[in-house]
Amino acid sequence: MAGYNEKRLLHDLLDSYNILERPVVNESDPLQLSFGLTLMQIIDVFRTFELQALILITTET
């Protein structure tokens, strides 16, 4: 559950966000994204369902 300050921050950051805008000069150009994942902790492994509970940190480059 998000607290008041988190909700306010998200509202301030995304209030004027337009999902139709793209950060490229020509909008027909492909948008290349790079990101990484860092495994911080394996919390649990559920072998019967072949699931894992993980803590990950994303990094954008």
N, C-alpha and C. Protein backbone atom coordinates (compact mmCIF):
# COMPACT_ATOMS: atom_id res chain seq x y z
N MET A 1 0.85 -1.18 0.00
CA MET A 1 0.00 0.00 0.00
C MET A 1 0.89 1.23 0.00
N ALA A 2 0.67 2.10 -0.95
CA ALA A 2 1.49 3.30 -1.08
C ALA A 2 1.09 4.34 -0.04
N GLY A 3 2.09 5.00 0.49
CA GLY A 3 1.83 6.07 1.44
C GLY A 3 1.55 7.38 0.73
N TYR A 4 1.21 8.39 1.50
CA TYR A 4 0.85 9.69 0.95
C TYR A 4 1.99 10.27 0.12
N ASN A 5 3.22 10.25 0.65
CA ASN A 5 4.34 10.86 -0.06
C ASN A 5 4.65 10.13 -1.37
N GLU A 6 4.53 8.80 -1.37
CA GLU A 6 4.77 8.03 -2.60
C GLU A 6 3.71 8.36 -3.65
N LYS A 7 2.47 8.45 -3.24
CA LYS A 7 1.40 8.81 -4.18
C LYS A 7 1.62 10.22 -4.73
N ARG A 8 2.02 11.14 -3.87
CA ARG A 8 2.26 12.51 -4.31
C ARG A 8 3.42 12.57 -5.30
N LEU A 9 4.50 11.82 -5.04
CA LEU A 9 5.65 11.79 -5.94
C LEU A 9 5.25 11.24 -7.31
N LEU A 10 4.53 10.12 -7.33
CA LEU A 10 4.08 9.56 -8.60
C LEU A 10 3.17 10.52 -9.34
N HIS A 11 2.29 11.18 -8.64
CA HIS A 11 1.42 12.16 -9.28
C HIS A 11 2.23 13.31 -9.86
N ASP A 12 3.20 13.82 -9.11
CA ASP A 12 4.02 14.93 -9.60
C ASP A 12 4.85 14.53 -10.82
N LEU A 13 5.37 13.30 -10.83
CA LEU A 13 6.21 12.85 -11.94
C LEU A 13 5.40 12.52 -13.19
N LEU A 14 4.23 11.96 -12.99
CA LEU A 14 3.48 11.44 -14.14
C LEU A 14 2.26 12.28 -14.52
N ASP A 15 2.06 13.41 -13.86
CA ASP A 15 0.87 14.23 -14.10
C ASP A 15 0.78 14.69 -15.55
N SER A 16 1.88 15.13 -16.14
CA SER A 16 1.84 15.63 -17.51
C SER A 16 2.41 14.62 -18.51
N TYR A 17 2.53 13.35 -18.11
CA TYR A 17 3.09 12.32 -18.97
C TYR A 17 2.12 11.97 -20.09
N ASN A 18 2.63 11.96 -21.31
CA ASN A 18 1.82 11.62 -22.47
C ASN A 18 2.35 10.31 -23.05
N ILE A 19 1.53 9.25 -23.02
CA ILE A 19 1.99 7.94 -23.49
C ILE A 19 2.21 7.92 -25.00
N LEU A 20 1.72 8.91 -25.73
CA LEU A 20 1.89 8.93 -27.18
C LEU A 20 3.22 9.54 -27.61
N GLU A 21 3.90 10.22 -26.71
CA GLU A 21 5.19 10.83 -27.04
C GLU A 21 6.30 9.80 -26.96
N ARG A 22 7.26 9.91 -27.90
CA ARG A 22 8.40 9.00 -27.91
C ARG A 22 9.68 9.83 -27.96
N PRO A 23 10.72 9.41 -27.27
CA PRO A 23 11.97 10.19 -27.23
C PRO A 23 12.85 9.97 -28.45
N VAL A 24 12.29 10.15 -29.65
CA VAL A 24 13.05 10.05 -30.89
C VAL A 24 12.67 11.22 -31.79
N VAL A 25 13.58 11.59 -32.70
CA VAL A 25 13.30 12.70 -33.62
C VAL A 25 12.24 12.28 -34.63
N ASN A 26 12.42 11.12 -35.23
CA ASN A 26 11.48 10.61 -36.22
C ASN A 26 10.68 9.49 -35.55
N GLU A 27 9.37 9.66 -35.46
CA GLU A 27 8.59 8.68 -34.69
C GLU A 27 8.48 7.31 -35.35
N SER A 28 8.93 7.17 -36.60
CA SER A 28 8.96 5.85 -37.21
C SER A 28 10.26 5.10 -36.89
N ASP A 29 11.24 5.80 -36.29
CA ASP A 29 12.48 5.15 -35.88
C ASP A 29 12.21 4.21 -34.70
N PRO A 30 12.89 3.06 -34.69
CA PRO A 30 12.72 2.17 -33.53
C PRO A 30 13.34 2.78 -32.28
N LEU A 31 12.78 2.47 -31.16
CA LEU A 31 13.29 2.95 -29.87
C LEU A 31 14.05 1.80 -29.23
N GLN A 32 15.35 1.99 -29.01
CA GLN A 32 16.17 0.95 -28.42
C GLN A 32 16.33 1.21 -26.92
N LEU A 33 16.04 0.19 -26.15
CA LEU A 33 16.17 0.27 -24.71
C LEU A 33 17.16 -0.78 -24.23
N SER A 34 17.92 -0.42 -23.24
CA SER A 34 18.82 -1.37 -22.59
C SER A 34 18.54 -1.34 -21.10
N PHE A 35 18.43 -2.51 -20.52
CA PHE A 35 18.26 -2.57 -19.08
C PHE A 35 18.89 -3.84 -18.56
N GLY A 36 19.17 -3.85 -17.30
CA GLY A 36 19.78 -5.02 -16.68
C GLY A 36 19.04 -5.38 -15.41
N LEU A 37 19.26 -6.58 -14.98
CA LEU A 37 18.70 -7.06 -13.72
C LEU A 37 19.83 -7.55 -12.83
N THR A 38 19.76 -7.22 -11.58
CA THR A 38 20.72 -7.70 -10.61
C THR A 38 19.97 -8.53 -9.58
N LEU A 39 20.37 -9.77 -9.44
CA LEU A 39 19.75 -10.64 -8.44
C LEU A 39 20.32 -10.30 -7.08
N MET A 40 19.47 -9.85 -6.19
CA MET A 40 19.91 -9.48 -4.85
C MET A 40 19.73 -10.62 -3.85
N GLN A 41 18.63 -11.37 -3.98
CA GLN A 41 18.36 -12.40 -2.99
C GLN A 41 17.36 -13.41 -3.55
N ILE A 42 17.62 -14.69 -3.34
CA ILE A 42 16.63 -15.72 -3.61
C ILE A 42 15.88 -15.97 -2.32
N ILE A 43 14.61 -15.67 -2.32
CA ILE A 43 13.81 -15.78 -1.10
C ILE A 43 13.35 -17.21 -0.87
N ASP A 44 12.84 -17.83 -1.92
CA ASP A 44 12.31 -19.17 -1.76
C ASP A 44 12.26 -19.85 -3.12
N VAL A 45 12.29 -21.18 -3.11
CA VAL A 45 12.16 -21.97 -4.33
C VAL A 45 11.04 -22.97 -4.11
N PHE A 46 10.05 -22.93 -5.01
CA PHE A 46 8.92 -23.84 -4.93
C PHE A 46 9.11 -24.90 -6.02
N ARG A 47 9.70 -26.02 -5.65
CA ARG A 47 10.06 -27.04 -6.64
C ARG A 47 8.85 -27.68 -7.30
N THR A 48 7.77 -27.85 -6.58
CA THR A 48 6.61 -28.52 -7.17
C THR A 48 5.98 -27.68 -8.28
N PHE A 49 6.04 -26.37 -8.15
CA PHE A 49 5.45 -25.50 -9.17
C PHE A 49 6.52 -24.88 -10.08
N GLU A 50 7.79 -25.19 -9.82
CA GLU A 50 8.92 -24.63 -10.56
C GLU A 50 8.88 -23.09 -10.57
N LEU A 51 8.65 -22.54 -9.39
CA LEU A 51 8.62 -21.09 -9.21
C LEU A 51 9.71 -20.67 -8.24
N GLN A 52 10.15 -19.41 -8.39
CA GLN A 52 11.12 -18.84 -7.47
C GLN A 52 10.63 -17.47 -7.02
N ALA A 53 10.84 -17.15 -5.78
CA ALA A 53 10.57 -15.82 -5.27
C ALA A 53 11.91 -15.10 -5.17
N LEU A 54 12.04 -13.97 -5.85
CA LEU A 54 13.31 -13.26 -5.95
C LEU A 54 13.17 -11.80 -5.58
N ILE A 55 14.28 -11.20 -5.21
CA ILE A 55 14.39 -9.75 -5.09
C ILE A 55 15.35 -9.30 -6.18
N LEU A 56 14.89 -8.42 -7.06
CA LEU A 56 15.70 -7.94 -8.18
C LEU A 56 15.79 -6.43 -8.16
N ILE A 57 16.87 -5.92 -8.70
CA ILE A 57 17.04 -4.48 -8.90
C ILE A 57 17.25 -4.25 -10.40
N THR A 58 16.49 -3.35 -10.97
CA THR A 58 16.65 -3.04 -12.40
C THR A 58 17.60 -1.87 -12.56
N THR A 59 18.38 -1.89 -13.61
CA THR A 59 19.27 -0.80 -13.93
C THR A 59 19.06 -0.43 -15.38
N GLU A 60 18.94 0.86 -15.66
CA GLU A 60 18.75 1.35 -17.01
C GLU A 60 20.06 1.94 -17.49
N THR A 61 20.41 1.62 -18.74
CA THR A 61 21.65 2.16 -19.32
C THR A 61 21.36 2.92 -20.58
